[in-house]
C-alpha atoms as a PDB file:
ATOM      1  CA  MET A   1     -44.521 -44.839  -4.165  1.00  0.00           C
ATOM      2  CA  LYS A   2     -42.681 -42.171  -6.816  1.00  0.00           C
ATOM      3  CA  MET A   3     -39.595 -40.516  -6.541  1.00  0.00           C
ATOM      4  CA  THR A   4     -39.429 -37.095  -7.959  1.00  0.00           C
ATOM      5  CA  ILE A   5     -36.255 -35.123  -8.220  1.00  0.00           C
ATOM      6  CA  LYS A   6     -36.288 -31.740  -8.245  1.00  0.00           C
ATOM      7  CA  SER A   7     -34.217 -29.655 -10.443  1.00  0.00           C
ATOM      8  CA  THR A   8     -31.938 -27.169  -9.793  1.00  0.00           C
ATOM      9  CA  LYS A   9     -32.823 -23.860 -11.110  1.00  0.00           C
ATOM     10  CA  PRO A  10     -30.921 -22.563 -14.165  1.00  0.00           C
ATOM     11  CA  ARG A  11     -27.650 -20.276 -13.620  1.00  0.00           C
ATOM     12  CA  ASN A  12     -26.344 -17.902 -15.875  1.00  0.00           C
ATOM     13  CA  PRO A  13     -23.195 -19.339 -17.862  1.00  0.00           C
ATOM     14  CA  PHE A  14     -21.301 -16.060 -17.734  1.00  0.00           C
ATOM     15  CA  VAL A  15     -20.850 -16.055 -14.368  1.00  0.00           C
ATOM     16  CA  VAL A  16     -18.287 -18.829 -14.523  1.00  0.00           C
ATOM     17  CA  ALA A  17     -16.390 -17.234 -16.972  1.00  0.00           C
ATOM     18  CA  ALA A  18     -16.587 -13.517 -15.176  1.00  0.00           C
ATOM     19  CA  LEU A  19     -15.247 -15.315 -12.027  1.00  0.00           C
ATOM     20  CA  ARG A  20     -12.599 -17.319 -13.682  1.00  0.00           C
ATOM     21  CA  ARG A  21     -11.208 -14.258 -15.607  1.00  0.00           C
ATOM     22  CA  ALA A  22      -8.130 -12.102 -13.990  1.00  0.00           C
ATOM     23  CA  ALA A  23     -10.201  -9.238 -13.188  1.00  0.00           C
ATOM     24  CA  GLY A  24      -7.970  -5.853 -12.194  1.00  0.00           C
ATOM     25  CA  SER A  25      -7.213  -2.633 -13.108  1.00  0.00           C
ATOM     26  CA  HIS A  26      -6.905  -1.629 -16.760  1.00  0.00           C
ATOM     27  CA  ARG A  27      -3.428  -0.094 -16.196  1.00  0.00           C
ATOM     28  CA  PRO A  28      -0.357  -1.627 -17.512  1.00  0.00           C
ATOM     29  CA  GLY A  29       1.675  -3.900 -15.461  1.00  0.00           C
ATOM     30  CA  PRO A  30       5.365  -2.648 -13.943  1.00  0.00           C
ATOM     31  CA  GLY A  31       7.066  -4.365 -16.852  1.00  0.00           C
ATOM     32  CA  ALA A  32       5.235  -2.605 -19.404  1.00  0.00           C
ATOM     33  CA  ARG A  33       5.650   0.659 -17.690  1.00  0.00           C
ATOM     34  CA  ARG A  34       9.356   0.132 -17.683  1.00  0.00           C
ATOM     35  CA  LEU A  35       9.747  -0.724 -21.069  1.00  0.00           C
ATOM     36  CA  ARG A  36       7.585   2.330 -22.097  1.00  0.00           C
ATOM     37  CA  ALA A  37       9.810   4.311 -20.034  1.00  0.00           C
ATOM     38  CA  ALA A  38      12.922   3.037 -21.545  1.00  0.00           C
ATOM     39  CA  ARG A  39      11.793   3.555 -25.111  1.00  0.00           C
ATOM     40  CA  GLU A  40      10.803   7.065 -24.202  1.00  0.00           C
ATOM     41  CA  LEU A  41      14.290   7.628 -22.628  1.00  0.00           C
ATOM     42  CA  ARG A  42      16.085   6.304 -25.647  1.00  0.00           C
ATOM     43  CA  LEU A  43      14.002   8.673 -27.856  1.00  0.00           C
ATOM     44  CA  GLU A  44      14.772  11.434 -25.837  1.00  0.00           C
ATOM     45  CA  ILE A  45      18.574  11.010 -25.836  1.00  0.00           C
ATOM     46  CA  GLU A  46      18.169  10.320 -29.745  1.00  0.00           C
ATOM     47  CA  ARG A  47      16.479  13.623 -30.138  1.00  0.00           C
ATOM     48  CA  LEU A  48      18.942  15.498 -28.019  1.00  0.00           C
ATOM     49  CA  ARG A  49      22.114  14.032 -29.858  1.00  0.00           C
ATOM     50  CA  PRO A  50      23.404  16.967 -32.130  1.00  0.00           C
ATOM     51  CA  GLY A  51      22.926  15.926 -35.986  1.00  0.00           C
ATOM     52  CA  PRO A  52      25.948  16.224 -38.828  1.00  0.00           C
END
């Protein structure tokens, strides 16, 4: 009696990578927004400072 094993259908290799990747919005995180706001505030204060 011969025994045959069905081969599984080929899977898309890109799906595994896509599922493991952290997907989400393309916005900067809260830390990046906070740093940017601080940098803009420093630039604004520097601009308002009276020159010699």
